[in-house]
Amino acid sequence: MIQTDITLAARPRGFHLVTDEVVAGLPELREFRVGLLHLMIRHTSASLTLNENASSDVRRDFRSWADEVAPERPAGFNWTHTIEGPDDMPAHIKGSLTGFDLTLPVRDGRLHLGTWQGIYLCEHREHGGPRSLTATIWGERA
C-alpha cells in the first residue's frame, strides 16, 4: 500500500479535467498489476467526480447545473454561513452533492477507466486556490 499527497494547481470555479495531473503525481501507480486507487480531496468547498473526458460542453453544463442548484444568492432565502464570502456556503452544498472521494480500479500500472471517463476537480469557489488530494493505492504489485 502507498499513500501520498497530490497538490492540484489552482483553478477558477468550474469542473476541470485533472486525470493527467493526478496520474503524473502518482508514479507509483506503475508498480501495481491490479488494485484500487482511493482519492480524497481535503477541502469542503471543492470536490471530485468521474465523468465525460472528451467534450468540454459536459463540464460547462455541470457548472451551470451546480450554480442553479446552489446559487450564491437564492431567491427568497439568505445563507447564514457567509463569513468566508457569498460563494462559500453554496460551495459546501455543491461539494456534498458531488462527493469528496473516488475509488478507481488499477490494472497493469494504469487507471482502468472507461474510454470516455476522466477525473474532475469540481472547484466550487471563484478563487479556491491549490487543492490537496490524499491518494492511497493498494493491491497486488507487478
Protein backbone atom coordinates (compact mmCIF):
# COMPACT_ATOMS: atom_id res chain seq x y z
CA MET A 1 0.00 0.00 0.00
CA ILE A 2 1.16 3.51 -0.82
CA GLN A 3 -0.25 6.79 0.42
CA THR A 4 0.82 10.18 -0.84
CA ASP A 5 -0.49 13.70 -1.26
CA ILE A 6 -1.02 15.44 -4.58
CA THR A 7 -1.45 19.19 -4.95
CA LEU A 8 -3.61 20.29 -7.87
CA ALA A 9 -2.99 23.70 -9.41
CA ALA A 10 -5.43 26.48 -8.52
CA ARG A 11 -8.34 26.82 -10.91
CA PRO A 12 -11.37 29.11 -11.17
CA ARG A 13 -14.89 27.95 -10.37
CA GLY A 14 -15.87 25.14 -12.71
CA PHE A 15 -15.43 21.47 -13.46
CA HIS A 16 -11.88 20.68 -14.59
CA LEU A 17 -10.44 17.51 -16.08
CA VAL A 18 -7.43 16.58 -13.91
CA THR A 19 -6.80 12.91 -14.77
CA ASP A 20 -3.34 13.57 -16.24
CA GLU A 21 -2.34 15.75 -13.27
CA VAL A 22 -3.41 13.04 -10.81
CA VAL A 23 -1.59 10.27 -12.71
CA ALA A 24 1.56 12.43 -13.00
CA GLY A 25 1.51 12.79 -9.22
CA LEU A 26 1.41 9.00 -8.79
CA PRO A 27 4.48 7.42 -10.44
CA GLU A 28 3.99 4.50 -8.01
CA LEU A 29 0.84 3.55 -9.91
CA ARG A 30 3.06 1.73 -12.44
CA GLU A 31 4.09 -0.74 -9.71
CA PHE A 32 0.59 -2.25 -9.37
CA ARG A 33 -0.70 -5.11 -11.50
CA VAL A 34 -4.20 -4.90 -10.03
CA GLY A 35 -5.62 -2.75 -7.27
CA LEU A 36 -7.57 0.30 -6.24
CA LEU A 37 -6.77 3.98 -6.06
CA HIS A 38 -8.68 5.98 -3.49
CA LEU A 39 -8.61 9.77 -3.88
CA MET A 40 -9.92 12.12 -1.20
CA ILE A 41 -9.93 15.89 -1.58
CA ARG A 42 -9.06 17.60 1.69
CA HIS A 43 -11.37 20.56 1.26
CA THR A 44 -15.08 21.21 1.80
CA SER A 45 -15.58 23.74 -0.98
CA ALA A 46 -14.24 21.60 -3.84
CA SER A 47 -14.99 18.01 -4.77
CA LEU A 48 -14.23 15.14 -7.14
CA THR A 49 -16.27 13.23 -9.65
CA LEU A 50 -15.74 10.88 -12.58
CA ASN A 51 -17.36 11.73 -15.88
CA GLU A 52 -17.03 12.53 -19.60
CA ASN A 53 -13.45 13.31 -20.65
CA ALA A 54 -13.93 14.30 -24.30
CA SER A 55 -16.42 17.16 -24.52
CA SER A 56 -15.81 20.35 -22.56
CA ASP A 57 -19.54 21.05 -23.00
CA VAL A 58 -20.21 18.47 -20.29
CA ARG A 59 -18.03 20.36 -17.82
CA ARG A 60 -19.72 23.67 -18.70
CA ASP A 61 -23.16 22.06 -18.26
CA PHE A 62 -22.11 20.67 -14.86
CA ARG A 63 -21.15 24.17 -13.73
CA SER A 64 -24.42 25.64 -14.98
CA TRP A 65 -26.39 22.93 -13.17
CA ALA A 66 -24.44 23.32 -9.92
CA ASP A 67 -24.79 27.11 -9.93
CA GLU A 68 -28.54 26.71 -10.46
CA VAL A 69 -28.92 24.13 -7.67
CA ALA A 70 -26.93 26.14 -5.10
CA PRO A 71 -26.76 29.79 -6.17
CA GLU A 72 -24.85 32.41 -4.20
CA ARG A 73 -27.98 34.49 -3.73
CA PRO A 74 -31.04 32.21 -3.81
CA ALA A 75 -34.40 33.91 -4.32
CA GLY A 76 -36.32 34.33 -1.05
CA PHE A 77 -33.54 32.84 1.09
CA ASN A 78 -30.33 34.05 2.76
CA TRP A 79 -27.37 31.87 3.69
CA THR A 80 -26.29 32.28 7.33
CA HIS A 81 -22.71 30.99 6.74
CA THR A 82 -21.25 33.98 4.89
CA ILE A 83 -18.05 34.92 6.78
CA GLU A 84 -15.83 33.47 4.02
CA GLY A 85 -17.80 35.10 1.19
CA PRO A 86 -21.01 34.57 -0.75
CA ASP A 87 -19.65 31.59 -2.70
CA ASP A 88 -18.58 29.55 0.36
CA MET A 89 -21.87 28.05 1.61
CA PRO A 90 -23.04 27.17 -1.90
CA ALA A 91 -19.61 25.56 -2.40
CA HIS A 92 -20.15 23.32 0.65
CA ILE A 93 -23.52 22.19 -0.69
CA LYS A 94 -22.13 21.54 -4.19
CA GLY A 95 -19.27 19.53 -2.67
CA SER A 96 -21.66 17.37 -0.69
CA LEU A 97 -23.75 16.73 -3.81
CA THR A 98 -20.80 15.69 -5.98
CA GLY A 99 -18.66 14.00 -3.31
CA PHE A 100 -15.23 14.31 -1.76
CA ASP A 101 -13.71 10.99 -2.79
CA LEU A 102 -13.36 8.47 -5.62
CA THR A 103 -12.29 4.84 -5.65
CA LEU A 104 -10.93 3.79 -9.04
CA PRO A 105 -9.65 0.46 -10.41
CA VAL A 106 -5.99 -0.04 -11.29
CA ARG A 107 -4.88 -2.59 -13.87
CA ASP A 108 -1.40 -3.17 -15.30
CA GLY A 109 0.05 0.01 -13.81
CA ARG A 110 -2.67 2.34 -15.07
CA LEU A 111 -6.09 3.59 -14.08
CA HIS A 112 -8.64 1.23 -15.61
CA LEU A 113 -11.24 3.81 -16.64
CA GLY A 114 -13.76 3.71 -19.44
CA THR A 115 -12.77 5.17 -22.80
CA TRP A 116 -14.66 8.42 -22.16
CA GLN A 117 -14.07 8.76 -18.41
CA GLY A 118 -11.89 11.26 -16.60
CA ILE A 119 -11.39 12.64 -13.10
CA TYR A 120 -12.89 16.08 -12.50
CA LEU A 121 -11.84 18.61 -9.92
CA CYS A 122 -15.09 20.37 -9.11
CA GLU A 123 -13.98 23.80 -7.98
CA HIS A 124 -16.92 25.50 -6.32
CA ARG A 125 -15.28 28.81 -5.35
CA GLU A 126 -14.17 31.65 -7.58
CA HIS A 127 -10.68 31.62 -6.03
CA GLY A 128 -10.27 28.30 -4.22
CA GLY A 129 -6.51 28.11 -4.55
CA PRO A 130 -4.44 24.95 -4.91
CA ARG A 131 -6.32 21.81 -3.87
CA SER A 132 -4.82 18.91 -1.95
CA LEU A 133 -5.69 15.25 -2.51
CA THR A 134 -4.70 12.23 -0.46
CA ALA A 135 -4.11 9.27 -2.74
CA THR A 136 -3.99 5.71 -1.39
CA ILE A 137 -3.12 2.81 -3.68
CA TRP A 138 -3.44 -0.76 -2.57
CA GLY A 139 -3.33 -4.02 -4.46
CA GLU A 140 -1.08 -6.61 -5.99
CA ARG A 141 2.24 -5.34 -7.26
CA ALA A 142 3.63 -6.35 -10.62
